[in-house]
Amino acid sequence: MKKVNPTKSRKIQKLRGYLIEEVVIEGVLLDVRENPSYPEQYIEVYYFKDYVWAVISGSNPDRYITMYRSRKLKKEYGL
């Protein structure tokens, strides 16, 4: 598993209701995409708790950066 900053993970949990680790471990990985805005990052798309989540990952260093629910991706995957 990639590195997770525990302080940032708790902050994200307060904002979004779940830890990054929960989404990654318990969710179903649907896709991995390049991030068009940042070439050193990619987007992992997960289905978790009846919603589609985008988890942003950095490739250098190998770590999770943030996550958010995505209505756009939910519509794209027809979920």
C-alpha atoms as a PDB file:
ATOM      1  CA  MET A   1       0.000   0.000   0.000  1.00  0.00           C
ATOM      2  CA  LYS A   2       1.141   3.538  -0.700  1.00  0.00           C
ATOM      3  CA  LYS A   3       2.161   5.909   2.068  1.00  0.00           C
ATOM      4  CA  VAL A   4      -0.560   7.889   3.830  1.00  0.00           C
ATOM      5  CA  ASN A   5       0.003  10.990   5.932  1.00  0.00           C
ATOM      6  CA  PRO A   6      -2.002  10.188   9.121  1.00  0.00           C
ATOM      7  CA  THR A   7      -2.703  13.856   9.909  1.00  0.00           C
ATOM      8  CA  LYS A   8      -4.009  14.533   6.405  1.00  0.00           C
ATOM      9  CA  SER A   9      -5.986  11.288   6.432  1.00  0.00           C
ATOM     10  CA  ARG A  10      -7.817  12.328   9.623  1.00  0.00           C
ATOM     11  CA  LYS A  11      -8.505  15.771   8.132  1.00  0.00           C
ATOM     12  CA  ILE A  12      -9.989  14.135   5.023  1.00  0.00           C
ATOM     13  CA  GLN A  13     -12.063  11.851   7.256  1.00  0.00           C
ATOM     14  CA  LYS A  14     -13.573  14.892   8.993  1.00  0.00           C
ATOM     15  CA  LEU A  15     -14.405  16.497   5.634  1.00  0.00           C
ATOM     16  CA  ARG A  16     -15.583  13.434   3.688  1.00  0.00           C
ATOM     17  CA  GLY A  17     -16.588  10.915   6.370  1.00  0.00           C
ATOM     18  CA  TYR A  18     -14.087   8.172   5.484  1.00  0.00           C
ATOM     19  CA  LEU A  19     -10.350   7.545   5.679  1.00  0.00           C
ATOM     20  CA  ILE A  20      -8.390   7.133   2.451  1.00  0.00           C
ATOM     21  CA  GLU A  21      -7.376   3.688   3.695  1.00  0.00           C
ATOM     22  CA  GLU A  22     -11.036   2.625   4.059  1.00  0.00           C
ATOM     23  CA  VAL A  23     -11.874   3.553   0.481  1.00  0.00           C
ATOM     24  CA  VAL A  24      -8.754   1.872  -0.918  1.00  0.00           C
ATOM     25  CA  ILE A  25      -9.034  -1.351   1.110  1.00  0.00           C
ATOM     26  CA  GLU A  26     -12.805  -1.861   1.171  1.00  0.00           C
ATOM     27  CA  GLY A  27     -13.690  -0.267  -2.174  1.00  0.00           C
ATOM     28  CA  VAL A  28     -13.653  -1.848  -5.619  1.00  0.00           C
ATOM     29  CA  LEU A  29     -11.010  -0.420  -7.961  1.00  0.00           C
ATOM     30  CA  LEU A  30     -12.723   0.556 -11.225  1.00  0.00           C
ATOM     31  CA  ASP A  31      -9.979   2.373 -13.105  1.00  0.00           C
ATOM     32  CA  VAL A  32      -6.596   4.097 -12.893  1.00  0.00           C
ATOM     33  CA  ARG A  33      -6.133   7.271 -14.955  1.00  0.00           C
ATOM     34  CA  GLU A  34      -3.435   9.825 -15.508  1.00  0.00           C
ATOM     35  CA  ASN A  35      -4.150  13.195 -13.926  1.00  0.00           C
ATOM     36  CA  PRO A  36      -4.267  15.655 -16.860  1.00  0.00           C
ATOM     37  CA  SER A  37      -3.437  18.622 -14.622  1.00  0.00           C
ATOM     38  CA  TYR A  38      -0.442  17.057 -12.869  1.00  0.00           C
ATOM     39  CA  PRO A  39       1.786  14.632 -14.814  1.00  0.00           C
ATOM     40  CA  GLU A  40       3.359  13.147 -11.638  1.00  0.00           C
ATOM     41  CA  GLN A  41      -0.079  12.105 -10.312  1.00  0.00           C
ATOM     42  CA  TYR A  42      -2.775   9.648 -11.259  1.00  0.00           C
ATOM     43  CA  ILE A  43      -6.401   9.103 -10.283  1.00  0.00           C
ATOM     44  CA  GLU A  44      -7.578   5.783  -8.877  1.00  0.00           C
ATOM     45  CA  VAL A  45     -11.339   5.389  -9.257  1.00  0.00           C
ATOM     46  CA  TYR A  46     -13.081   3.286  -6.575  1.00  0.00           C
ATOM     47  CA  TYR A  47     -16.670   2.198  -5.958  1.00  0.00           C
ATOM     48  CA  PHE A  48     -17.284   2.443  -2.187  1.00  0.00           C
ATOM     49  CA  LYS A  49     -20.491   2.740  -0.132  1.00  0.00           C
ATOM     50  CA  ASP A  50     -22.742   3.224  -3.186  1.00  0.00           C
ATOM     51  CA  TYR A  51     -20.646   6.038  -4.619  1.00  0.00           C
ATOM     52  CA  VAL A  52     -17.668   6.551  -6.931  1.00  0.00           C
ATOM     53  CA  TRP A  53     -14.572   8.000  -5.282  1.00  0.00           C
ATOM     54  CA  ALA A  54     -11.533   9.555  -6.952  1.00  0.00           C
ATOM     55  CA  VAL A  55      -8.341   8.931  -4.969  1.00  0.00           C
ATOM     56  CA  ILE A  56      -5.441  11.092  -6.117  1.00  0.00           C
ATOM     57  CA  SER A  57      -2.040   9.386  -5.892  1.00  0.00           C
ATOM     58  CA  GLY A  58       1.468  10.694  -6.430  1.00  0.00           C
ATOM     59  CA  SER A  59       4.018   8.598  -8.234  1.00  0.00           C
ATOM     60  CA  ASN A  60       7.072  10.341  -6.812  1.00  0.00           C
ATOM     61  CA  PRO A  61       6.992   9.655  -3.901  1.00  0.00           C
ATOM     62  CA  ASP A  62       4.489   6.820  -4.007  1.00  0.00           C
ATOM     63  CA  ARG A  63       1.701   8.203  -1.792  1.00  0.00           C
ATOM     64  CA  TYR A  64      -1.992   9.053  -1.543  1.00  0.00           C
ATOM     65  CA  ILE A  65      -2.698  12.779  -1.721  1.00  0.00           C
ATOM     66  CA  THR A  66      -6.463  13.255  -1.352  1.00  0.00           C
ATOM     67  CA  MET A  67      -9.847  11.798  -2.285  1.00  0.00           C
ATOM     68  CA  TYR A  68     -13.328  13.014  -3.130  1.00  0.00           C
ATOM     69  CA  ARG A  69     -16.702  11.742  -4.290  1.00  0.00           C
ATOM     70  CA  SER A  70     -17.283  12.330  -7.983  1.00  0.00           C
ATOM     71  CA  ARG A  71     -20.737  12.714  -9.518  1.00  0.00           C
ATOM     72  CA  LYS A  72     -19.077  13.023 -12.934  1.00  0.00           C
ATOM     73  CA  LEU A  73     -17.351   9.636 -12.589  1.00  0.00           C
ATOM     74  CA  LYS A  74     -20.488   8.046 -11.073  1.00  0.00           C
ATOM     75  CA  LYS A  75     -22.449   9.099 -14.160  1.00  0.00           C
ATOM     76  CA  GLU A  76     -19.629   7.948 -16.456  1.00  0.00           C
ATOM     77  CA  TYR A  77     -19.634   4.444 -14.937  1.00  0.00           C
ATOM     78  CA  GLY A  78     -23.439   4.300 -14.823  1.00  0.00           C
ATOM     79  CA  LEU A  79     -23.545   3.616 -11.080  1.00  0.00           C
END
